Amino acid sequence: MVVDESMIVAVAFATMLFLGLRPFIAFLNKNLDARSARIDKELKDATRLREEAQHMMSEYERKCREVEQEAQQMLAQAEHNVVLLKQNAEKQLKDAVAARIAVAHQQIALMEEQIIQEMKTQAIERSVRVTQHVIQSTLTQEAHNHLLRTMLSDASHVAH
């Protein structure tokens, strides 16, 4: 094998290049490893944050469902209360109307009784006037005096 000068220069150049680039390659490898570690850490942080966000989202959705369920229960309770209040108001109205009707019937009965009493009183007064008129027109003075004495005598017996 023939070794010529250009081959020696090429081998020397390659050796120099290898020896010169070796620290640069080590430095490049070190920086690439650091960057890879930083990227790996950022990926782990992003994964952790994503999991936390998913957990928070599921908690939020669960709480939304609970609040919606509670709101539906409150709405159902309010509707039930409205029905009860309506029934109670209707009952109270019926009771009040019945009470007023009863009072009206009592007042009507009282008024009827008063009217009947007034009619009886008027009938008695008319009877007395008619009787007085008949007695005055048909009795003689002597019969009239006799009747008065009898009435006075009866009144004195009743008084004693």
Protein backbone atom coordinates (compact mmCIF):
# COMPACT_ATOMS: atom_id res chain seq x y z
CA MET A 1 0.00 0.00 0.00
CA VAL A 2 1.26 3.25 -1.01
CA VAL A 3 0.93 6.03 1.38
CA ASP A 4 1.08 9.30 -0.24
CA GLU A 5 1.10 12.68 1.31
CA SER A 6 -2.44 13.57 0.50
CA MET A 7 -3.59 10.47 2.31
CA ILE A 8 -1.59 11.42 5.38
CA VAL A 9 -3.00 14.93 5.22
CA ALA A 10 -6.53 13.51 4.89
CA VAL A 11 -6.04 11.16 7.86
CA ALA A 12 -4.47 13.98 9.89
CA PHE A 13 -7.29 16.31 8.92
CA ALA A 14 -9.91 13.67 9.87
CA THR A 15 -8.12 13.03 13.17
CA MET A 16 -7.91 16.76 13.89
CA LEU A 17 -11.47 17.21 12.86
CA PHE A 18 -12.58 14.33 15.10
CA LEU A 19 -10.52 15.57 18.03
CA GLY A 20 -11.66 19.17 17.47
CA LEU A 21 -15.30 18.32 17.05
CA ARG A 22 -15.44 15.90 19.96
CA PRO A 23 -15.98 18.62 22.63
CA PHE A 24 -18.50 20.33 20.34
CA ILE A 25 -20.39 17.06 19.85
CA ALA A 26 -20.32 16.44 23.63
CA PHE A 27 -21.57 19.99 24.18
CA LEU A 28 -24.29 19.46 21.52
CA ASN A 29 -25.30 16.13 23.09
CA LYS A 30 -25.42 17.73 26.54
CA ASN A 31 -27.63 20.60 25.28
CA LEU A 32 -29.89 18.19 23.39
CA ASP A 33 -30.23 16.00 26.51
CA ALA A 34 -31.08 19.06 28.63
CA ARG A 35 -33.60 20.23 26.06
CA SER A 36 -35.10 16.73 25.90
CA ALA A 37 -35.39 16.64 29.72
CA ARG A 38 -37.01 20.12 29.71
CA ILE A 39 -39.47 19.06 26.99
CA ASP A 40 -40.21 15.84 28.88
CA LYS A 41 -40.84 17.86 32.07
CA GLU A 42 -43.13 20.27 30.18
CA LEU A 43 -45.03 17.32 28.70
CA LYS A 44 -45.46 15.81 32.16
CA ASP A 45 -46.62 19.19 33.52
CA ALA A 46 -49.03 19.60 30.60
CA THR A 47 -50.37 16.08 31.17
CA ARG A 48 -50.79 16.79 34.89
CA LEU A 49 -52.54 20.10 34.15
CA ARG A 50 -54.79 18.40 31.61
CA GLU A 51 -55.73 15.74 34.17
CA GLU A 52 -56.43 18.44 36.78
CA ALA A 53 -58.54 20.35 34.25
CA GLN A 54 -60.47 17.18 33.41
CA HIS A 55 -61.02 16.51 37.11
CA MET A 56 -62.18 20.10 37.68
CA MET A 57 -64.45 19.86 34.62
CA SER A 58 -66.01 16.62 35.88
CA GLU A 59 -66.51 18.22 39.33
CA TYR A 60 -68.10 21.26 37.69
CA GLU A 61 -70.42 19.06 35.61
CA ARG A 62 -71.35 17.02 38.70
CA LYS A 63 -72.12 20.18 40.66
CA CYS A 64 -74.16 21.51 37.73
CA ARG A 65 -76.20 18.31 37.70
CA GLU A 66 -76.71 18.55 41.47
CA VAL A 67 -77.77 22.20 41.23
CA GLU A 68 -80.12 21.38 38.35
CA GLN A 69 -81.59 18.49 40.32
CA GLU A 70 -82.03 20.73 43.37
CA ALA A 71 -83.66 23.41 41.22
CA GLN A 72 -86.07 20.82 39.79
CA GLN A 73 -86.91 19.65 43.30
CA MET A 74 -87.49 23.24 44.42
CA LEU A 75 -89.70 23.84 41.38
CA ALA A 76 -91.68 20.68 42.08
CA GLN A 77 -92.07 21.71 45.74
CA ALA A 78 -93.18 25.20 44.69
CA GLU A 79 -95.75 23.74 42.29
CA HIS A 80 -97.00 21.46 45.06
CA ASN A 81 -97.23 24.46 47.43
CA VAL A 82 -99.18 26.40 44.80
CA VAL A 83 -101.66 23.55 44.50
CA LEU A 84 -102.03 23.36 48.29
CA LEU A 85 -102.43 27.13 48.58
CA LYS A 86 -105.04 27.11 45.82
CA GLN A 87 -106.97 24.31 47.52
CA ASN A 88 -106.73 26.09 50.86
CA ALA A 89 -107.90 29.38 49.33
CA GLU A 90 -110.82 27.64 47.62
CA LYS A 91 -111.81 25.96 50.90
CA GLN A 92 -111.54 29.24 52.79
CA LEU A 93 -113.62 30.98 50.12
CA LYS A 94 -116.28 28.24 50.27
CA ASP A 95 -116.31 28.43 54.08
CA ALA A 96 -116.59 32.23 53.99
CA VAL A 97 -119.42 32.09 51.45
CA ALA A 98 -121.20 29.41 53.50
CA ALA A 99 -120.79 31.50 56.65
CA ARG A 100 -122.17 34.60 54.91
CA ILE A 101 -125.08 32.58 53.55
CA ALA A 102 -125.79 31.25 57.04
CA VAL A 103 -125.70 34.79 58.47
CA ALA A 104 -127.98 35.97 55.67
CA HIS A 105 -130.43 33.13 56.44
CA GLN A 106 -130.37 34.06 60.12
CA GLN A 107 -130.98 37.71 59.29
CA ILE A 108 -133.83 36.75 56.94
CA ALA A 109 -135.38 34.53 59.63
CA LEU A 110 -135.03 37.33 62.19
CA MET A 111 -136.58 39.84 59.80
CA GLU A 112 -139.43 37.42 59.02
CA GLU A 113 -140.04 36.99 62.74
CA GLN A 114 -140.03 40.76 63.26
CA ILE A 115 -142.42 41.27 60.36
CA ILE A 116 -144.76 38.55 61.69
CA GLN A 117 -144.62 40.14 65.15
CA GLU A 118 -145.38 43.58 63.68
CA MET A 119 -148.26 42.12 61.67
CA LYS A 120 -149.65 40.44 64.83
CA THR A 121 -149.30 43.70 66.74
CA GLN A 122 -151.05 45.62 63.97
CA ALA A 123 -153.79 42.97 63.79
CA ILE A 124 -154.32 43.14 67.56
CA GLU A 125 -154.40 46.95 67.47
CA ARG A 126 -156.93 46.88 64.62
CA SER A 127 -158.99 44.25 66.45
CA VAL A 128 -158.99 46.38 69.58
CA ARG A 129 -160.03 49.47 67.59
CA VAL A 130 -162.75 47.57 65.78
CA THR A 131 -163.92 46.04 69.05
CA GLN A 132 -163.93 49.47 70.70
CA HIS A 133 -165.91 50.86 67.84
CA VAL A 134 -168.38 47.97 67.94
CA ILE A 135 -168.72 48.21 71.71
CA GLN A 136 -169.17 51.96 71.64
CA SER A 137 -171.75 51.81 68.93
CA THR A 138 -173.77 48.88 70.35
CA LEU A 139 -173.59 49.25 74.13
CA THR A 140 -175.84 51.47 76.06
CA GLN A 141 -174.52 53.73 78.75
CA GLU A 142 -175.78 51.43 81.46
CA ALA A 143 -174.17 48.31 79.90
CA HIS A 144 -171.00 50.27 79.42
CA ASN A 145 -170.88 51.25 83.11
CA HIS A 146 -171.58 47.68 84.17
CA LEU A 147 -168.75 46.41 81.92
CA LEU A 148 -166.32 48.97 83.38
CA ARG A 149 -167.21 47.99 86.94
CA THR A 150 -166.68 44.31 86.13
CA MET A 151 -163.34 45.01 84.54
CA LEU A 152 -162.21 47.13 87.50
CA SER A 153 -163.32 44.49 89.93
CA ASP A 154 -161.44 41.81 87.99
CA ALA A 155 -158.35 44.03 87.86
CA SER A 156 -158.44 44.63 91.63
CA HIS A 157 -158.64 40.84 92.27
CA VAL A 158 -155.69 40.25 89.99
CA ALA A 159 -153.68 43.04 91.63
CA HIS A 160 -154.17 41.54 95.13
